[in-house]
Each structure stands twice: as C-alpha cells, then as structure tokens.
Protein backbone atom coordinates (compact mmCIF):
# COMPACT_ATOMS: atom_id res chain seq x y z
CA UNK A 1 -27.60 -10.06 30.35
CA UNK A 2 -28.43 -10.92 26.72
CA UNK A 3 -25.19 -9.32 25.56
CA UNK A 4 -23.24 -11.60 27.88
CA UNK A 5 -24.92 -14.73 26.48
CA UNK A 6 -24.31 -13.49 22.93
CA UNK A 7 -20.63 -13.05 23.68
CA UNK A 8 -20.46 -16.54 25.28
CA UNK A 9 -22.32 -18.00 22.30
CA UNK A 10 -19.96 -16.20 19.89
CA UNK A 11 -16.99 -17.55 21.85
CA UNK A 12 -18.22 -21.14 21.55
CA UNK A 13 -19.01 -20.62 17.84
CA UNK A 14 -15.43 -19.50 17.31
CA UNK A 15 -14.11 -22.44 19.31
CA UNK A 16 -16.28 -24.82 17.27
CA UNK A 17 -15.14 -23.20 14.00
CA UNK A 18 -11.52 -23.56 15.10
CA UNK A 19 -11.92 -27.21 16.06
CA UNK A 20 -13.89 -28.20 12.96
CA UNK A 21 -12.20 -26.07 10.28
CA UNK A 22 -9.31 -23.76 11.17
CA UNK A 23 -7.33 -26.41 13.05
CA UNK A 24 -7.42 -28.80 10.08
CA UNK A 25 -6.55 -26.05 7.63
CA UNK A 26 -3.52 -25.22 9.74
CA UNK A 27 -2.54 -28.91 9.86
CA UNK A 28 -2.90 -29.24 6.08
CA UNK A 29 -0.87 -26.07 5.48
CA UNK A 30 1.85 -27.39 7.79
CA UNK A 31 1.89 -30.74 6.00
CA UNK A 32 2.14 -28.99 2.63
CA UNK A 33 5.13 -26.94 3.82
CA UNK A 34 6.70 -30.10 5.28
CA UNK A 35 6.25 -31.98 1.97
CA UNK A 36 7.90 -29.17 0.02
CA UNK A 37 10.82 -29.01 2.45
CA UNK A 38 11.20 -32.81 2.29
CA UNK A 39 11.31 -32.73 -1.52
CA UNK A 40 13.96 -30.02 -1.45
CA UNK A 41 15.96 -32.03 1.08
CA UNK A 42 15.76 -35.16 -1.10
CA UNK A 43 16.95 -33.19 -4.13
CA UNK A 44 19.83 -31.76 -2.11
CA UNK A 45 20.80 -35.24 -0.88
CA UNK A 46 20.71 -36.66 -4.42
CA UNK A 47 22.80 -33.74 -5.70
CA UNK A 48 25.34 -34.23 -2.90
CA UNK A 49 25.44 -37.98 -3.51
CA UNK A 50 25.97 -37.54 -7.25
CA UNK A 51 28.70 -34.94 -6.81
CA UNK A 52 30.47 -37.06 -4.18
CA UNK A 53 30.22 -40.20 -6.27
CA UNK A 54 31.45 -38.35 -9.33
CA UNK A 55 34.49 -37.10 -7.44
CA UNK A 56 35.22 -40.58 -6.07
CA UNK A 57 34.85 -42.28 -9.45
CA UNK A 58 36.91 -39.62 -11.19
CA UNK A 59 39.69 -39.83 -8.60
CA UNK A 60 39.72 -43.63 -8.62
CA UNK A 61 39.80 -43.86 -12.42
CA UNK A 62 42.54 -41.28 -12.79
CA UNK A 63 44.68 -42.57 -9.93
CA UNK A 64 44.69 -46.28 -10.72
CA UNK A 65 47.52 -48.06 -12.40
CA UNK A 66 45.00 -49.47 -14.88
CA UNK A 67 44.78 -46.07 -16.52
CA UNK A 68 48.56 -45.92 -16.82
CA UNK A 69 48.60 -49.50 -18.13
CA UNK A 70 46.00 -48.56 -20.76
CA UNK A 71 48.07 -45.54 -21.80
CA UNK A 72 51.19 -47.66 -22.10
CA UNK A 73 49.30 -50.26 -24.15
CA UNK A 74 48.12 -47.60 -26.61
CA UNK A 75 51.61 -46.12 -26.68
CA UNK A 76 53.05 -49.46 -27.72
CA UNK A 77 50.80 -49.86 -30.75
CA UNK A 78 52.37 -49.56 -34.19
CA UNK A 79 51.77 -46.37 -36.14
CA UNK A 80 49.58 -48.12 -38.72
CA UNK A 81 47.17 -49.29 -36.03
CA UNK A 82 47.16 -45.86 -34.37
CA UNK A 83 46.32 -44.16 -37.68
CA UNK A 84 43.49 -46.68 -38.23
CA UNK A 85 42.13 -45.99 -34.74
CA UNK A 86 42.39 -42.24 -35.23
CA UNK A 87 40.45 -42.41 -38.52
CA UNK A 88 37.56 -44.07 -36.72
CA UNK A 89 38.00 -41.77 -33.70
CA UNK A 90 38.47 -44.66 -31.32
CA UNK A 91 39.51 -42.39 -28.44
CA UNK A 92 36.24 -40.42 -28.59
CA UNK A 93 34.20 -43.61 -28.91
CA UNK A 94 36.00 -45.15 -25.93
CA UNK A 95 35.43 -42.00 -23.88
CA UNK A 96 31.71 -41.92 -24.75
CA UNK A 97 31.27 -45.59 -23.87
CA UNK A 98 33.07 -45.19 -20.53
CA UNK A 99 31.01 -42.09 -19.71
CA UNK A 100 27.82 -43.97 -20.54
CA UNK A 101 28.83 -46.85 -18.26
CA UNK A 102 29.56 -44.48 -15.39
CA UNK A 103 26.27 -42.62 -15.96
CA UNK A 104 24.39 -45.92 -16.06
CA UNK A 105 26.02 -46.99 -12.79
CA UNK A 106 25.13 -43.72 -11.07
CA UNK A 107 21.55 -43.77 -12.35
CA UNK A 108 21.06 -47.35 -11.18
CA UNK A 109 22.60 -46.47 -7.84
CA UNK A 110 20.35 -43.45 -7.25
CA UNK A 111 17.18 -44.68 -8.95
CA UNK A 112 17.18 -48.49 -8.70
CA UNK A 113 14.05 -49.04 -10.83
CA UNK A 114 15.48 -47.34 -13.93
CA UNK A 115 17.86 -48.89 -16.44
C-alpha cells in the first residue's frame, strides 16, 4: 500500500513541477523561437521591399522622357562646356548625387526615424 501512495505522490510532484516550471520553460522557449522567426520575417520583408522599390525606381527613371530630355540637353551643349564638365567629372558627380538621393529616399521610407 505504501508503494501505491509513493507512486501517487510522485505523480503529483511531477504534475506540480510541470505546472510550476516545465510549462513556463516550454512557453519561454516557444516565445524565443517565435521572436527569431519574426525577426527573420521582418528582414525578408525589408529585403523584398527594397528590391521591389529599387526595380520600380530604376524602371521609372530609365523609362521617363525626363531622362531623354536630360540626354538631349547635354548633347546640345557646346564642346567647350562639355570639356569643362568632363574635367571636373560632372557625370560621375551627378550620378553619385542622384544615387545618394535615391538611397536617402529608400532609407527614410523603410526606417522613418533615420535621416
């Protein structure tokens, strides 16, 4: 009869240990896994958003008539002005400034508190 009570007592000790400790450890482990998965999902969403926005901006800049207008304006410049602009590498400077503006726009779009 004593062995039966010991087994019942051991059962309730295990139930108590599960309720007071093991259950909460399992909950915390599940929350940790959920937090990691959520961070990975957020990174994937930001990567998708940046790649999609980059494609949209690139397509819109290259397909607009403004780009063709800009090319025709530079094509109409006299050779003296073009040589002056090429000495100071105006094309590279213009490209860097435009890239910086696009990067600033994307950073402000994704992370509104920065910039």
